[in-house]
């Protein structure tokens, strides 16, 4: 039976995606970490999960339900931060409304889709936009950290909908409804 890999996220507007993608390319070139280029810049709300292709309509309906209940959220990205020893990311400023949306996404996915893997290894929701991870070697991570800890970056945007992304075997793509 055929199934695909999906996750649910907040995706910034195109112009901010373009700026963050430039940072991902910089990390790929300077620090040999290309893995973050396999997805558009995003804030993960629900970790990747497998879903049967023949049940896609159910998933689509849940996404439509989630989006019909979202009020506009103001999101601010500011500065860089790190999950040692492998992840470099753009920091998301603490945001109660975003936290609430993530909880709603998790709850609805659990109740209606029977998904139970919303967070990474039972860690609490920690919104961020990754620019380098997984294939970032420890030595390169510490070099990148030295550079990015000193740098400034700042973006503000409004979120009016959440996004479903699907893996095509090589990279993540935004699912359009």
N, C-alpha and C. Protein backbone atom coordinates (compact mmCIF):
# COMPACT_ATOMS: atom_id res chain seq x y z
N UNK A 1 0.84 -1.18 0.00
CA UNK A 1 0.00 0.00 0.00
C UNK A 1 0.89 1.24 0.00
N UNK A 2 0.58 2.16 -0.87
CA UNK A 2 1.41 3.33 -1.05
C UNK A 2 1.14 4.39 0.02
N UNK A 3 2.22 4.94 0.57
CA UNK A 3 2.08 6.04 1.52
C UNK A 3 3.16 7.07 1.28
N UNK A 4 2.91 8.27 1.77
CA UNK A 4 3.84 9.38 1.60
C UNK A 4 4.17 9.97 2.96
N UNK A 5 5.24 10.76 2.97
CA UNK A 5 5.71 11.41 4.18
C UNK A 5 5.31 12.88 4.12
N UNK A 6 4.71 13.36 5.22
CA UNK A 6 4.22 14.74 5.30
C UNK A 6 4.68 15.38 6.61
N UNK A 7 4.63 16.72 6.66
CA UNK A 7 4.67 17.42 7.94
C UNK A 7 3.90 18.73 7.79
N UNK A 8 3.56 19.33 8.92
CA UNK A 8 2.75 20.55 8.95
C UNK A 8 3.60 21.68 9.53
N UNK A 9 3.54 22.85 8.86
CA UNK A 9 4.43 23.94 9.25
C UNK A 9 3.83 25.30 8.94
N UNK A 10 4.48 26.32 9.50
CA UNK A 10 4.27 27.70 9.10
C UNK A 10 5.37 28.01 8.09
N UNK A 11 4.97 28.49 6.93
CA UNK A 11 5.95 28.87 5.90
C UNK A 11 5.88 30.38 5.73
N UNK A 12 7.01 31.06 5.88
CA UNK A 12 7.01 32.53 5.75
C UNK A 12 6.68 32.96 4.31
N UNK A 13 6.35 34.23 4.14
CA UNK A 13 6.12 34.76 2.79
C UNK A 13 7.35 34.56 1.90
N UNK A 14 7.12 34.55 0.60
CA UNK A 14 8.17 34.24 -0.38
C UNK A 14 9.43 35.08 -0.21
N UNK A 15 9.28 36.39 0.01
CA UNK A 15 10.48 37.24 0.11
C UNK A 15 11.33 36.87 1.32
N UNK A 16 10.70 36.46 2.41
CA UNK A 16 11.45 36.03 3.60
C UNK A 16 12.04 34.64 3.35
N UNK A 17 11.28 33.77 2.69
CA UNK A 17 11.83 32.46 2.32
C UNK A 17 13.11 32.64 1.49
N UNK A 18 13.08 33.57 0.55
CA UNK A 18 14.25 33.80 -0.32
C UNK A 18 15.47 34.23 0.50
N UNK A 19 15.26 35.13 1.47
CA UNK A 19 16.37 35.60 2.31
C UNK A 19 16.92 34.47 3.18
N UNK A 20 16.04 33.67 3.74
CA UNK A 20 16.50 32.56 4.59
C UNK A 20 17.16 31.48 3.74
N UNK A 21 16.67 31.27 2.53
CA UNK A 21 17.30 30.29 1.63
C UNK A 21 18.73 30.73 1.29
N UNK A 22 18.96 32.03 1.17
CA UNK A 22 20.33 32.52 0.95
C UNK A 22 21.23 32.13 2.13
N UNK A 23 20.70 32.22 3.35
CA UNK A 23 21.47 31.80 4.53
C UNK A 23 21.75 30.31 4.49
N UNK A 24 20.78 29.51 4.06
CA UNK A 24 20.97 28.06 3.93
C UNK A 24 22.08 27.76 2.92
N UNK A 25 22.08 28.49 1.80
CA UNK A 25 23.14 28.30 0.80
C UNK A 25 24.50 28.67 1.36
N UNK A 26 24.55 29.74 2.14
CA UNK A 26 25.80 30.15 2.78
C UNK A 26 26.32 29.04 3.70
N UNK A 27 25.44 28.47 4.52
CA UNK A 27 25.84 27.38 5.42
C UNK A 27 26.30 26.17 4.60
N UNK A 28 25.60 25.89 3.50
CA UNK A 28 25.97 24.76 2.64
C UNK A 28 27.36 24.95 2.06
N UNK A 29 27.64 26.16 1.59
CA UNK A 29 28.93 26.42 0.95
C UNK A 29 30.08 26.54 1.96
N UNK A 30 29.89 27.34 3.00
CA UNK A 30 30.97 27.58 3.97
C UNK A 30 31.19 26.43 4.93
N UNK A 31 30.10 25.74 5.30
CA UNK A 31 30.20 24.77 6.39
C UNK A 31 29.79 23.35 5.99
N UNK A 32 29.64 23.14 4.67
CA UNK A 32 29.41 21.80 4.12
C UNK A 32 28.16 21.13 4.69
N UNK A 33 27.10 21.89 4.86
CA UNK A 33 25.84 21.35 5.38
C UNK A 33 24.72 21.72 4.41
N UNK A 34 24.38 20.76 3.54
CA UNK A 34 23.40 21.01 2.49
C UNK A 34 22.00 20.52 2.83
N UNK A 35 21.86 19.75 3.89
CA UNK A 35 20.60 19.07 4.19
C UNK A 35 19.42 20.04 4.36
N UNK A 36 19.67 21.21 4.94
CA UNK A 36 18.58 22.18 5.17
C UNK A 36 18.00 22.71 3.86
N UNK A 37 18.73 22.55 2.76
CA UNK A 37 18.24 23.02 1.46
C UNK A 37 17.14 22.12 0.90
N UNK A 38 16.88 21.00 1.55
CA UNK A 38 15.87 20.05 1.05
C UNK A 38 14.44 20.43 1.42
N UNK A 39 14.26 21.56 2.11
CA UNK A 39 12.91 22.01 2.44
C UNK A 39 12.87 23.53 2.37
N UNK A 40 11.69 24.07 2.08
CA UNK A 40 11.58 25.53 2.14
C UNK A 40 11.72 25.98 3.59
N UNK A 41 12.16 27.21 3.84
CA UNK A 41 12.21 27.70 5.22
C UNK A 41 10.84 27.57 5.88
N UNK A 42 10.84 27.09 7.13
CA UNK A 42 9.56 26.82 7.80
C UNK A 42 9.76 26.72 9.31
N UNK A 43 8.62 26.78 10.02
CA UNK A 43 8.56 26.49 11.45
C UNK A 43 7.69 25.25 11.58
N UNK A 44 8.26 24.16 12.02
CA UNK A 44 7.53 22.90 12.12
C UNK A 44 6.49 22.97 13.23
N UNK A 45 5.25 22.61 12.89
CA UNK A 45 4.18 22.52 13.89
C UNK A 45 3.88 21.06 14.23
N UNK A 46 4.09 20.17 13.27
CA UNK A 46 3.90 18.73 13.50
C UNK A 46 4.98 17.99 12.74
N UNK A 47 5.72 17.16 13.47
CA UNK A 47 6.83 16.40 12.89
C UNK A 47 6.37 15.53 11.72
N UNK A 48 7.31 15.10 10.86
CA UNK A 48 6.95 14.23 9.74
C UNK A 48 6.21 12.97 10.17
N UNK A 49 5.24 12.60 9.34
CA UNK A 49 4.44 11.40 9.58
C UNK A 49 4.10 10.75 8.23
N UNK A 50 3.91 9.44 8.27
CA UNK A 50 3.51 8.71 7.06
C UNK A 50 1.99 8.71 6.97
N UNK A 51 1.50 8.82 5.73
CA UNK A 51 0.06 8.83 5.51
C UNK A 51 -0.24 8.08 4.22
N UNK A 52 -1.24 7.20 4.28
CA UNK A 52 -1.62 6.42 3.10
C UNK A 52 -2.18 7.33 2.01
N UNK A 53 -1.67 7.15 0.80
CA UNK A 53 -2.09 7.98 -0.32
C UNK A 53 -3.60 7.91 -0.56
N UNK A 54 -4.17 6.73 -0.37
CA UNK A 54 -5.61 6.59 -0.63
C UNK A 54 -6.47 7.35 0.39
N UNK A 55 -5.84 7.80 1.50
CA UNK A 55 -6.55 8.56 2.53
C UNK A 55 -6.20 10.05 2.50
N UNK A 56 -5.65 10.51 1.38
CA UNK A 56 -5.23 11.91 1.29
C UNK A 56 -6.38 12.88 1.53
N UNK A 57 -7.57 12.54 1.07
CA UNK A 57 -8.72 13.44 1.22
C UNK A 57 -8.99 13.76 2.69
N UNK A 58 -8.81 12.78 3.57
CA UNK A 58 -8.97 13.01 5.02
C UNK A 58 -7.97 14.05 5.52
N UNK A 59 -6.74 13.88 5.09
CA UNK A 59 -5.66 14.80 5.48
C UNK A 59 -5.97 16.21 4.97
N UNK A 60 -6.41 16.31 3.75
CA UNK A 60 -6.76 17.60 3.16
C UNK A 60 -7.88 18.26 3.96
N UNK A 61 -8.89 17.49 4.34
CA UNK A 61 -10.01 18.05 5.11
C UNK A 61 -9.55 18.57 6.48
N UNK A 62 -8.64 17.85 7.12
CA UNK A 62 -8.12 18.31 8.41
C UNK A 62 -7.32 19.60 8.23
N UNK A 63 -6.54 19.68 7.17
CA UNK A 63 -5.78 20.92 6.91
C UNK A 63 -6.73 22.09 6.67
N UNK A 64 -7.79 21.85 5.93
CA UNK A 64 -8.77 22.90 5.67
C UNK A 64 -9.45 23.33 6.97
N UNK A 65 -9.76 22.36 7.82
CA UNK A 65 -10.37 22.67 9.12
C UNK A 65 -9.41 23.51 9.97
N UNK A 66 -8.15 23.08 10.02
CA UNK A 66 -7.16 23.83 10.80
C UNK A 66 -7.05 25.27 10.29
N UNK A 67 -6.98 25.42 8.98
CA UNK A 67 -6.82 26.77 8.41
C UNK A 67 -8.05 27.64 8.58
N UNK A 68 -9.22 27.02 8.64
CA UNK A 68 -10.43 27.82 8.82
C UNK A 68 -10.51 28.39 10.24
N UNK A 69 -9.76 27.80 11.17
CA UNK A 69 -9.78 28.24 12.57
C UNK A 69 -8.61 29.14 12.96
N UNK A 70 -7.75 29.47 12.02
CA UNK A 70 -6.56 30.26 12.37
C UNK A 70 -6.84 31.74 12.20
N UNK A 71 -6.60 32.46 13.28
CA UNK A 71 -6.60 33.92 13.20
C UNK A 71 -5.18 34.32 12.80
N UNK A 72 -5.05 35.48 12.25
CA UNK A 72 -3.74 35.98 11.85
C UNK A 72 -2.78 36.00 13.05
N UNK A 73 -1.59 35.48 12.84
CA UNK A 73 -0.57 35.44 13.89
C UNK A 73 0.61 36.30 13.45
N UNK A 74 1.09 37.13 14.33
CA UNK A 74 2.29 37.92 14.06
C UNK A 74 3.50 37.08 14.49
N UNK A 75 4.43 36.86 13.57
CA UNK A 75 5.63 36.08 13.87
C UNK A 75 6.85 36.97 13.66
N UNK A 76 7.77 36.89 14.63
CA UNK A 76 9.02 37.64 14.51
C UNK A 76 10.19 36.67 14.61
N UNK A 77 11.06 36.75 13.61
CA UNK A 77 12.30 35.97 13.60
C UNK A 77 13.42 36.96 13.91
N UNK A 78 14.27 36.60 14.89
CA UNK A 78 15.32 37.55 15.27
C UNK A 78 16.54 36.80 15.79
N UNK A 79 17.67 37.03 15.15
CA UNK A 79 18.92 36.46 15.60
C UNK A 79 19.05 34.98 15.27
N UNK A 80 20.21 34.45 15.62
CA UNK A 80 20.50 33.04 15.39
C UNK A 80 20.66 32.34 16.72
N UNK A 81 20.38 31.07 16.73
CA UNK A 81 20.60 30.26 17.93
C UNK A 81 20.99 28.86 17.48
N UNK A 82 21.19 27.97 18.45
CA UNK A 82 21.83 26.69 18.14
C UNK A 82 21.31 25.58 19.03
N UNK A 83 21.20 24.38 18.46
CA UNK A 83 21.04 23.16 19.23
C UNK A 83 22.37 22.44 19.05
N UNK A 84 23.19 22.45 20.10
CA UNK A 84 24.51 21.83 19.96
C UNK A 84 24.37 20.32 19.88
N UNK A 85 25.19 19.66 19.11
CA UNK A 85 26.31 20.15 18.31
C UNK A 85 26.05 20.13 16.81
N UNK A 86 24.80 20.27 16.36
CA UNK A 86 24.55 20.10 14.92
C UNK A 86 23.64 21.12 14.26
N UNK A 87 22.86 21.89 15.00
CA UNK A 87 21.81 22.69 14.37
C UNK A 87 22.05 24.20 14.55
N UNK A 88 21.96 24.91 13.42
CA UNK A 88 22.01 26.38 13.40
C UNK A 88 20.65 26.84 12.89
N UNK A 89 20.04 27.80 13.59
CA UNK A 89 18.71 28.23 13.16
C UNK A 89 18.48 29.71 13.42
N UNK A 90 17.48 30.24 12.70
CA UNK A 90 16.98 31.58 12.96
C UNK A 90 15.97 31.45 14.08
N UNK A 91 16.13 32.25 15.11
CA UNK A 91 15.29 32.17 16.31
C UNK A 91 13.91 32.78 16.07
N UNK A 92 12.88 32.12 16.59
CA UNK A 92 11.52 32.65 16.58
C UNK A 92 11.27 33.25 17.96
N UNK A 93 10.91 34.52 17.99
CA UNK A 93 10.62 35.19 19.26
C UNK A 93 9.40 34.53 19.90
N UNK A 94 9.50 34.30 21.21
CA UNK A 94 8.41 33.66 21.97
C UNK A 94 7.07 34.27 21.59
N UNK A 95 6.09 33.39 21.34
CA UNK A 95 4.82 33.85 20.78
C UNK A 95 3.71 32.93 21.26
N UNK A 96 2.90 33.40 22.18
CA UNK A 96 1.85 32.56 22.77
C UNK A 96 0.83 32.10 21.74
N UNK A 97 0.50 32.98 20.80
CA UNK A 97 -0.48 32.61 19.77
C UNK A 97 0.05 31.46 18.89
N UNK A 98 1.32 31.52 18.53
CA UNK A 98 1.93 30.44 17.74
C UNK A 98 1.95 29.15 18.55
N UNK A 99 2.26 29.24 19.84
CA UNK A 99 2.23 28.06 20.71
C UNK A 99 0.84 27.44 20.75
N UNK A 100 -0.19 28.29 20.81
CA UNK A 100 -1.56 27.80 20.84
C UNK A 100 -1.92 27.10 19.53
N UNK A 101 -1.52 27.68 18.41
CA UNK A 101 -1.80 27.06 17.11
C UNK A 101 -1.13 25.68 17.03
N UNK A 102 0.11 25.60 17.52
CA UNK A 102 0.81 24.31 17.49
C UNK A 102 0.05 23.27 18.32
N UNK A 103 -0.43 23.68 19.48
CA UNK A 103 -1.21 22.75 20.33
C UNK A 103 -2.48 22.29 19.63
N UNK A 104 -3.17 23.20 18.96
CA UNK A 104 -4.39 22.86 18.22
C UNK A 104 -4.05 21.87 17.10
N UNK A 105 -2.98 22.13 16.36
CA UNK A 105 -2.56 21.23 15.28
C UNK A 105 -2.32 19.83 15.84
N UNK A 106 -1.57 19.75 16.93
CA UNK A 106 -1.25 18.46 17.54
C UNK A 106 -2.54 17.76 18.01
N UNK A 107 -3.40 18.50 18.70
CA UNK A 107 -4.63 17.90 19.21
C UNK A 107 -5.53 17.38 18.10
N UNK A 108 -5.74 18.20 17.07
CA UNK A 108 -6.62 17.78 15.98
C UNK A 108 -6.01 16.60 15.21
N UNK A 109 -4.71 16.64 14.98
CA UNK A 109 -4.05 15.52 14.28
C UNK A 109 -4.15 14.23 15.10
N UNK A 110 -4.05 14.36 16.40
CA UNK A 110 -4.15 13.19 17.27
C UNK A 110 -5.58 12.62 17.26
N UNK A 111 -6.57 13.51 17.41
CA UNK A 111 -7.97 13.07 17.48
C UNK A 111 -8.51 12.59 16.14
N UNK A 112 -8.27 13.37 15.10
CA UNK A 112 -8.92 13.09 13.82
C UNK A 112 -8.10 12.21 12.88
N UNK A 113 -6.78 12.27 13.00
CA UNK A 113 -5.93 11.48 12.11
C UNK A 113 -5.23 10.33 12.85
N UNK A 114 -5.39 10.29 14.17
CA UNK A 114 -4.75 9.26 15.02
C UNK A 114 -3.22 9.31 14.92
N UNK A 115 -2.68 10.52 14.79
CA UNK A 115 -1.22 10.70 14.75
C UNK A 115 -0.72 10.95 16.17
N UNK A 116 0.42 10.35 16.49
CA UNK A 116 0.91 10.47 17.86
C UNK A 116 2.40 10.78 17.92
N UNK A 117 2.92 11.48 16.91
CA UNK A 117 4.35 11.79 16.90
C UNK A 117 4.57 13.29 16.68
N UNK A 118 3.82 14.11 17.37
CA UNK A 118 3.83 15.54 17.09
C UNK A 118 5.15 16.23 17.40
N UNK A 119 5.83 15.80 18.45
CA UNK A 119 7.06 16.46 18.85
C UNK A 119 8.25 15.51 18.76
N UNK A 120 9.42 16.10 18.71
CA UNK A 120 10.64 15.34 18.56
C UNK A 120 11.10 14.77 19.90
N UNK A 121 11.03 13.47 20.02
CA UNK A 121 11.50 12.78 21.23
C UNK A 121 10.97 13.41 22.52
N UNK A 122 9.69 13.73 22.53
CA UNK A 122 9.02 14.29 23.70
C UNK A 122 9.59 15.63 24.18
N UNK A 123 10.30 16.30 23.32
CA UNK A 123 10.77 17.65 23.67
C UNK A 123 9.63 18.63 23.44
N UNK A 124 9.55 19.68 24.24
CA UNK A 124 8.49 20.66 24.04
C UNK A 124 8.67 21.41 22.72
N UNK A 125 7.61 22.03 22.27
CA UNK A 125 7.63 22.84 21.05
C UNK A 125 8.65 23.96 21.22
N UNK A 126 9.58 24.05 20.29
CA UNK A 126 10.60 25.10 20.30
C UNK A 126 10.70 25.66 18.88
N UNK A 127 9.84 26.62 18.56
CA UNK A 127 9.80 27.11 17.17
C UNK A 127 11.12 27.72 16.73
N UNK A 128 11.54 27.36 15.50
CA UNK A 128 12.78 27.87 14.92
C UNK A 128 12.75 27.61 13.42
N UNK A 129 13.66 28.27 12.69
CA UNK A 129 13.80 28.07 11.25
C UNK A 129 15.23 27.60 11.00
N UNK A 130 15.37 26.32 10.70
CA UNK A 130 16.69 25.70 10.55
C UNK A 130 17.40 26.18 9.28
N UNK A 131 18.70 26.49 9.42
CA UNK A 131 19.51 26.82 8.25
C UNK A 131 20.69 25.85 8.08
N UNK A 132 20.97 25.05 9.10
CA UNK A 132 22.01 24.03 9.00
C UNK A 132 21.77 22.96 10.04
N UNK A 133 21.82 21.67 9.65
CA UNK A 133 21.61 20.58 10.61
C UNK A 133 22.05 19.25 10.02
N UNK A 134 21.79 18.19 10.73
CA UNK A 134 22.00 16.80 10.35
C UNK A 134 23.38 16.51 9.75
N UNK A 135 23.68 17.06 8.56
CA UNK A 135 24.98 16.78 7.94
C UNK A 135 26.04 17.82 8.32
N UNK A 136 25.75 18.67 9.31
CA UNK A 136 26.71 19.66 9.79
C UNK A 136 27.63 18.97 10.80
N UNK A 137 28.89 18.80 10.40
CA UNK A 137 29.85 18.13 11.28
C UNK A 137 30.15 19.01 12.49
N UNK A 138 30.49 18.36 13.62
CA UNK A 138 30.72 19.10 14.87
C UNK A 138 31.73 20.22 14.70
N UNK A 139 32.84 19.94 14.05
CA UNK A 139 33.89 20.95 13.87
C UNK A 139 33.33 22.15 13.10
N UNK A 140 32.58 21.87 12.04
CA UNK A 140 31.99 22.94 11.24
C UNK A 140 30.89 23.67 12.02
N UNK A 141 30.15 22.93 12.85
CA UNK A 141 29.11 23.56 13.67
C UNK A 141 29.72 24.65 14.53
N UNK A 142 30.83 24.35 15.20
CA UNK A 142 31.43 25.33 16.10
C UNK A 142 32.00 26.53 15.33
N UNK A 143 32.47 26.30 14.12
CA UNK A 143 32.92 27.42 13.28
C UNK A 143 31.71 28.28 12.90
N UNK A 144 30.63 27.63 12.48
CA UNK A 144 29.42 28.37 12.10
C UNK A 144 28.86 29.13 13.30
N UNK A 145 28.86 28.48 14.46
CA UNK A 145 28.33 29.13 15.65
C UNK A 145 29.10 30.41 15.96
N UNK A 146 30.44 30.37 15.85
CA UNK A 146 31.26 31.55 16.09
C UNK A 146 30.85 32.70 15.18
N UNK A 147 30.56 32.38 13.93
CA UNK A 147 30.17 33.42 12.98
C UNK A 147 28.74 33.92 13.25
N UNK A 148 27.79 32.98 13.35
CA UNK A 148 26.38 33.37 13.41
C UNK A 148 25.98 33.98 14.76
N UNK A 149 26.68 33.64 15.83
CA UNK A 149 26.34 34.22 17.14
C UNK A 149 26.52 35.74 17.11
N UNK A 150 27.40 36.23 16.24
CA UNK A 150 27.69 37.67 16.14
C UNK A 150 26.79 38.38 15.14
N UNK A 151 26.11 37.61 14.28
CA UNK A 151 25.34 38.23 13.20
C UNK A 151 23.92 38.57 13.63
N UNK A 152 23.38 39.54 12.93
CA UNK A 152 22.00 39.93 13.21
C UNK A 152 21.14 39.60 11.99
N UNK A 153 19.92 39.20 12.30
CA UNK A 153 18.92 38.96 11.26
C UNK A 153 17.57 39.23 11.90
N UNK A 154 16.65 39.78 11.13
CA UNK A 154 15.34 40.09 11.70
C UNK A 154 14.29 40.11 10.59
N UNK A 155 13.19 39.40 10.83
CA UNK A 155 12.06 39.37 9.90
C UNK A 155 10.78 39.41 10.72
N UNK A 156 9.77 40.05 10.17
CA UNK A 156 8.43 40.02 10.79
C UNK A 156 7.44 39.70 9.69
N UNK A 157 6.46 38.87 10.03
CA UNK A 157 5.42 38.55 9.06
C UNK A 157 4.17 38.08 9.77
N UNK A 158 3.08 38.07 9.03
CA UNK A 158 1.80 37.59 9.54
C UNK A 158 1.52 36.23 8.91
N UNK A 159 0.97 35.34 9.71
CA UNK A 159 0.61 34.00 9.26
C UNK A 159 -0.91 33.92 9.25
N UNK A 160 -1.45 33.58 8.10
CA UNK A 160 -2.89 33.42 7.98
C UNK A 160 -3.29 31.98 7.70
N UNK A 161 -2.29 31.15 7.44
CA UNK A 161 -2.58 29.73 7.22
C UNK A 161 -1.35 28.89 7.52
N UNK A 162 -1.61 27.63 7.80
CA UNK A 162 -0.52 26.68 7.97
C UNK A 162 -0.41 25.85 6.71
N UNK A 163 0.71 25.19 6.55
CA UNK A 163 1.04 24.54 5.29
C UNK A 163 1.35 23.06 5.49
N UNK A 164 0.90 22.26 4.55
CA UNK A 164 1.24 20.84 4.49
C UNK A 164 2.39 20.68 3.51
N UNK A 165 3.43 19.96 3.93
CA UNK A 165 4.55 19.68 3.04
C UNK A 165 4.65 18.18 2.84
N UNK A 166 5.04 17.78 1.63
CA UNK A 166 5.13 16.37 1.25
C UNK A 166 6.53 16.08 0.72
N UNK A 167 7.07 14.95 1.11
CA UNK A 167 8.41 14.55 0.65
C UNK A 167 8.28 13.78 -0.66
N UNK A 168 9.10 14.13 -1.63
CA UNK A 168 9.04 13.46 -2.93
C UNK A 168 10.15 12.42 -3.11
N UNK A 169 10.83 12.08 -2.01
CA UNK A 169 11.95 11.14 -2.09
C UNK A 169 13.29 11.84 -2.03
N UNK A 170 13.32 13.13 -2.36
CA UNK A 170 14.56 13.91 -2.32
C UNK A 170 14.42 15.18 -1.49
N UNK A 171 13.26 15.82 -1.62
CA UNK A 171 13.07 17.09 -0.90
C UNK A 171 11.61 17.26 -0.52
N UNK A 172 11.37 18.28 0.33
CA UNK A 172 10.02 18.61 0.79
C UNK A 172 9.42 19.67 -0.11
N UNK A 173 8.14 19.48 -0.47
CA UNK A 173 7.43 20.42 -1.32
C UNK A 173 6.13 20.84 -0.66
N UNK A 174 5.75 22.09 -0.89
CA UNK A 174 4.49 22.60 -0.38
C UNK A 174 3.35 21.97 -1.16
N UNK A 175 2.35 21.47 -0.43
CA UNK A 175 1.16 20.90 -1.06
C UNK A 175 0.15 22.02 -1.26
N UNK A 176 -0.26 22.22 -2.48
CA UNK A 176 -1.26 23.24 -2.81
C UNK A 176 -2.62 22.57 -2.86
N UNK A 177 -3.62 23.20 -2.27
CA UNK A 177 -4.98 22.65 -2.31
C UNK A 177 -5.82 23.44 -3.30
